Amino acid sequence: MWGLRKKGLCKTHMDNILCWNIRGLNGLNKKEDISLVLRKHNVGAAGLLETKVKPQNICKVASGLQGWHYYSNTQPATKDRIWVIWKPNKYTIKIEKTTEQFWGILLMV
């Protein structure tokens, strides 16, 4: 395989998958930080934990993730805690089961 890669005949490209306890995603600095990390580390899918986004702010926060799709576990009267984000041109995500603290996710390339 190395010989093929060296000659440019075998090109493989894989995005990284990230899980991050972000400890709040509401601030402008956090949105800038996550954009930088996603680009720098070539992330194609991520689980963001402890986002603390209130239901009324989801669209505002999500607008900062241009080019990404997302799911969140928002429930009335609770703060949003978990987000899964992904590049739709790289992955398809199917949520199998969710609870307040757990998600069963099927990630397809």
C-alpha atoms as a PDB file:
ATOM      1  CA  MET A   1       0.000   0.000   0.000  1.00  0.00           C
ATOM      2  CA  TRP A   2       2.840   2.430   0.828  1.00  0.00           C
ATOM      3  CA  GLY A   3       4.208   2.228  -2.696  1.00  0.00           C
ATOM      4  CA  LEU A   4       0.814   3.096  -4.141  1.00  0.00           C
ATOM      5  CA  ARG A   5       0.404   6.061  -1.789  1.00  0.00           C
ATOM      6  CA  LYS A   6       3.897   7.288  -2.579  1.00  0.00           C
ATOM      7  CA  LYS A   7       3.103   7.242  -6.296  1.00  0.00           C
ATOM      8  CA  GLY A   8      -0.212   9.021  -5.700  1.00  0.00           C
ATOM      9  CA  LEU A   9      -2.287   6.100  -6.942  1.00  0.00           C
ATOM     10  CA  CYS A  10      -4.008   5.355  -3.659  1.00  0.00           C
ATOM     11  CA  LYS A  11      -5.485   8.418  -2.005  1.00  0.00           C
ATOM     12  CA  THR A  12      -7.239   7.895   1.298  1.00  0.00           C
ATOM     13  CA  HIS A  13      -8.826  10.675   3.263  1.00  0.00           C
ATOM     14  CA  MET A  14     -10.533  10.286   6.583  1.00  0.00           C
ATOM     15  CA  ASP A  15     -12.063  12.935   8.769  1.00  0.00           C
ATOM     16  CA  ASN A  16     -11.537  12.827  12.504  1.00  0.00           C
ATOM     17  CA  ILE A  17     -14.366  12.243  14.960  1.00  0.00           C
ATOM     18  CA  LEU A  18     -14.320  14.390  18.094  1.00  0.00           C
ATOM     19  CA  CYS A  19     -16.029  14.221  21.482  1.00  0.00           C
ATOM     20  CA  TRP A  20     -15.694  17.414  23.514  1.00  0.00           C
ATOM     21  CA  ASN A  21     -17.039  18.527  26.901  1.00  0.00           C
ATOM     22  CA  ILE A  22     -17.439  22.094  25.746  1.00  0.00           C
ATOM     23  CA  ARG A  23     -18.870  23.401  29.071  1.00  0.00           C
ATOM     24  CA  GLY A  24     -21.217  25.855  27.412  1.00  0.00           C
ATOM     25  CA  LEU A  25     -21.679  26.839  23.784  1.00  0.00           C
ATOM     26  CA  ASN A  26     -23.550  30.120  24.202  1.00  0.00           C
ATOM     27  CA  GLY A  27     -20.684  32.622  24.046  1.00  0.00           C
ATOM     28  CA  LEU A  28     -19.248  34.052  20.840  1.00  0.00           C
ATOM     29  CA  ASN A  29     -15.742  32.968  21.855  1.00  0.00           C
ATOM     30  CA  LYS A  30     -16.883  29.344  22.242  1.00  0.00           C
ATOM     31  CA  LYS A  31     -18.395  29.334  18.743  1.00  0.00           C
ATOM     32  CA  GLU A  32     -15.142  30.722  17.332  1.00  0.00           C
ATOM     33  CA  ASP A  33     -13.113  28.177  19.333  1.00  0.00           C
ATOM     34  CA  ILE A  34     -15.119  25.241  18.062  1.00  0.00           C
ATOM     35  CA  SER A  35     -14.901  26.438  14.456  1.00  0.00           C
ATOM     36  CA  LEU A  36     -11.113  26.670  14.783  1.00  0.00           C
ATOM     37  CA  VAL A  37     -10.788  23.203  16.320  1.00  0.00           C
ATOM     38  CA  LEU A  38     -13.079  21.605  13.727  1.00  0.00           C
ATOM     39  CA  ARG A  39     -11.044  23.071  10.862  1.00  0.00           C
ATOM     40  CA  LYS A  40      -7.605  22.576  12.393  1.00  0.00           C
ATOM     41  CA  HIS A  41      -8.167  18.911  13.203  1.00  0.00           C
ATOM     42  CA  ASN A  42     -10.153  18.037  10.071  1.00  0.00           C
ATOM     43  CA  VAL A  43     -13.211  16.956  12.067  1.00  0.00           C
ATOM     44  CA  GLY A  44     -16.114  15.449  10.122  1.00  0.00           C
ATOM     45  CA  ALA A  45     -18.372  14.540  13.060  1.00  0.00           C
ATOM     46  CA  ALA A  46     -18.440  15.556  16.714  1.00  0.00           C
ATOM     47  CA  GLY A  47     -20.293  15.010  19.956  1.00  0.00           C
ATOM     48  CA  LEU A  48     -20.490  18.183  22.010  1.00  0.00           C
ATOM     49  CA  LEU A  49     -21.272  17.590  25.681  1.00  0.00           C
ATOM     50  CA  GLU A  50     -22.544  20.008  28.332  1.00  0.00           C
ATOM     51  CA  THR A  51     -23.493  22.631  25.724  1.00  0.00           C
ATOM     52  CA  LYS A  52     -25.986  24.304  28.126  1.00  0.00           C
ATOM     53  CA  VAL A  53     -27.870  25.879  25.228  1.00  0.00           C
ATOM     54  CA  LYS A  54     -31.404  26.918  26.155  1.00  0.00           C
ATOM     55  CA  PRO A  55     -34.147  25.771  23.732  1.00  0.00           C
ATOM     56  CA  GLN A  56     -34.898  29.331  22.592  1.00  0.00           C
ATOM     57  CA  ASN A  57     -31.218  29.846  21.605  1.00  0.00           C
ATOM     58  CA  ILE A  58     -30.668  26.690  19.525  1.00  0.00           C
ATOM     59  CA  CYS A  59     -31.181  28.355  16.123  1.00  0.00           C
ATOM     60  CA  LYS A  60     -28.935  31.262  17.078  1.00  0.00           C
ATOM     61  CA  VAL A  61     -26.118  28.971  18.208  1.00  0.00           C
ATOM     62  CA  ALA A  62     -26.552  26.563  15.275  1.00  0.00           C
ATOM     63  CA  SER A  63     -26.261  29.439  12.781  1.00  0.00           C
ATOM     64  CA  GLY A  64     -22.595  29.692  13.805  1.00  0.00           C
ATOM     65  CA  LEU A  65     -22.015  26.147  12.529  1.00  0.00           C
ATOM     66  CA  GLN A  66     -22.421  26.915   8.853  1.00  0.00           C
ATOM     67  CA  GLY A  67     -22.088  23.871   6.622  1.00  0.00           C
ATOM     68  CA  TRP A  68     -22.807  21.441   9.463  1.00  0.00           C
ATOM     69  CA  HIS A  69     -25.929  19.477  10.354  1.00  0.00           C
ATOM     70  CA  TYR A  70     -26.830  18.860  13.971  1.00  0.00           C
ATOM     71  CA  TYR A  71     -29.093  17.017  16.410  1.00  0.00           C
ATOM     72  CA  SER A  72     -29.656  18.141  19.970  1.00  0.00           C
ATOM     73  CA  ASN A  73     -31.459  16.564  22.913  1.00  0.00           C
ATOM     74  CA  THR A  74     -33.602  19.588  23.701  1.00  0.00           C
ATOM     75  CA  GLN A  75     -36.550  19.035  25.953  1.00  0.00           C
ATOM     76  CA  PRO A  76     -38.968  21.664  27.287  1.00  0.00           C
ATOM     77  CA  ALA A  77     -37.847  23.364  30.500  1.00  0.00           C
ATOM     78  CA  THR A  78     -34.328  21.874  30.385  1.00  0.00           C
ATOM     79  CA  LYS A  79     -31.039  23.146  29.116  1.00  0.00           C
ATOM     80  CA  ASP A  80     -29.750  21.494  25.979  1.00  0.00           C
ATOM     81  CA  ARG A  81     -26.823  19.293  26.974  1.00  0.00           C
ATOM     82  CA  ILE A  82     -25.719  17.132  24.031  1.00  0.00           C
ATOM     83  CA  TRP A  83     -25.253  18.054  20.382  1.00  0.00           C
ATOM     84  CA  VAL A  84     -24.070  15.807  17.581  1.00  0.00           C
ATOM     85  CA  ILE A  85     -22.756  17.711  14.565  1.00  0.00           C
ATOM     86  CA  TRP A  86     -21.502  16.387  11.227  1.00  0.00           C
ATOM     87  CA  LYS A  87     -20.552  17.358   7.702  1.00  0.00           C
ATOM     88  CA  PRO A  88     -23.466  16.172   5.539  1.00  0.00           C
ATOM     89  CA  ASN A  89     -21.198  15.608   2.541  1.00  0.00           C
ATOM     90  CA  LYS A  90     -19.119  13.148   4.607  1.00  0.00           C
ATOM     91  CA  TYR A  91     -21.556  11.384   6.943  1.00  0.00           C
ATOM     92  CA  THR A  92     -25.156  10.409   7.494  1.00  0.00           C
ATOM     93  CA  ILE A  93     -26.292  10.189  11.095  1.00  0.00           C
ATOM     94  CA  LYS A  94     -29.229   8.193  12.396  1.00  0.00           C
ATOM     95  CA  ILE A  95     -30.216   8.642  16.028  1.00  0.00           C
ATOM     96  CA  GLU A  96     -31.337   5.270  17.369  1.00  0.00           C
ATOM     97  CA  LYS A  97     -32.198   6.171  20.980  1.00  0.00           C
ATOM     98  CA  THR A  98     -31.890   9.232  23.177  1.00  0.00           C
ATOM     99  CA  THR A  99     -32.183  10.009  26.857  1.00  0.00           C
ATOM    100  CA  GLU A 100     -31.013  13.020  28.806  1.00  0.00           C
ATOM    101  CA  GLN A 101     -27.537  11.529  29.254  1.00  0.00           C
ATOM    102  CA  PHE A 102     -27.221   8.913  26.489  1.00  0.00           C
ATOM    103  CA  TRP A 103     -27.555   8.667  22.713  1.00  0.00           C
ATOM    104  CA  GLY A 104     -27.397   5.600  20.526  1.00  0.00           C
ATOM    105  CA  ILE A 105     -26.043   6.820  17.181  1.00  0.00           C
ATOM    106  CA  LEU A 106     -25.435   5.143  13.856  1.00  0.00           C
ATOM    107  CA  LEU A 107     -22.750   6.979  11.857  1.00  0.00           C
ATOM    108  CA  MET A 108     -22.575   6.088   8.165  1.00  0.00           C
ATOM    109  CA  VAL A 109     -19.850   7.171   5.762  1.00  0.00           C
END
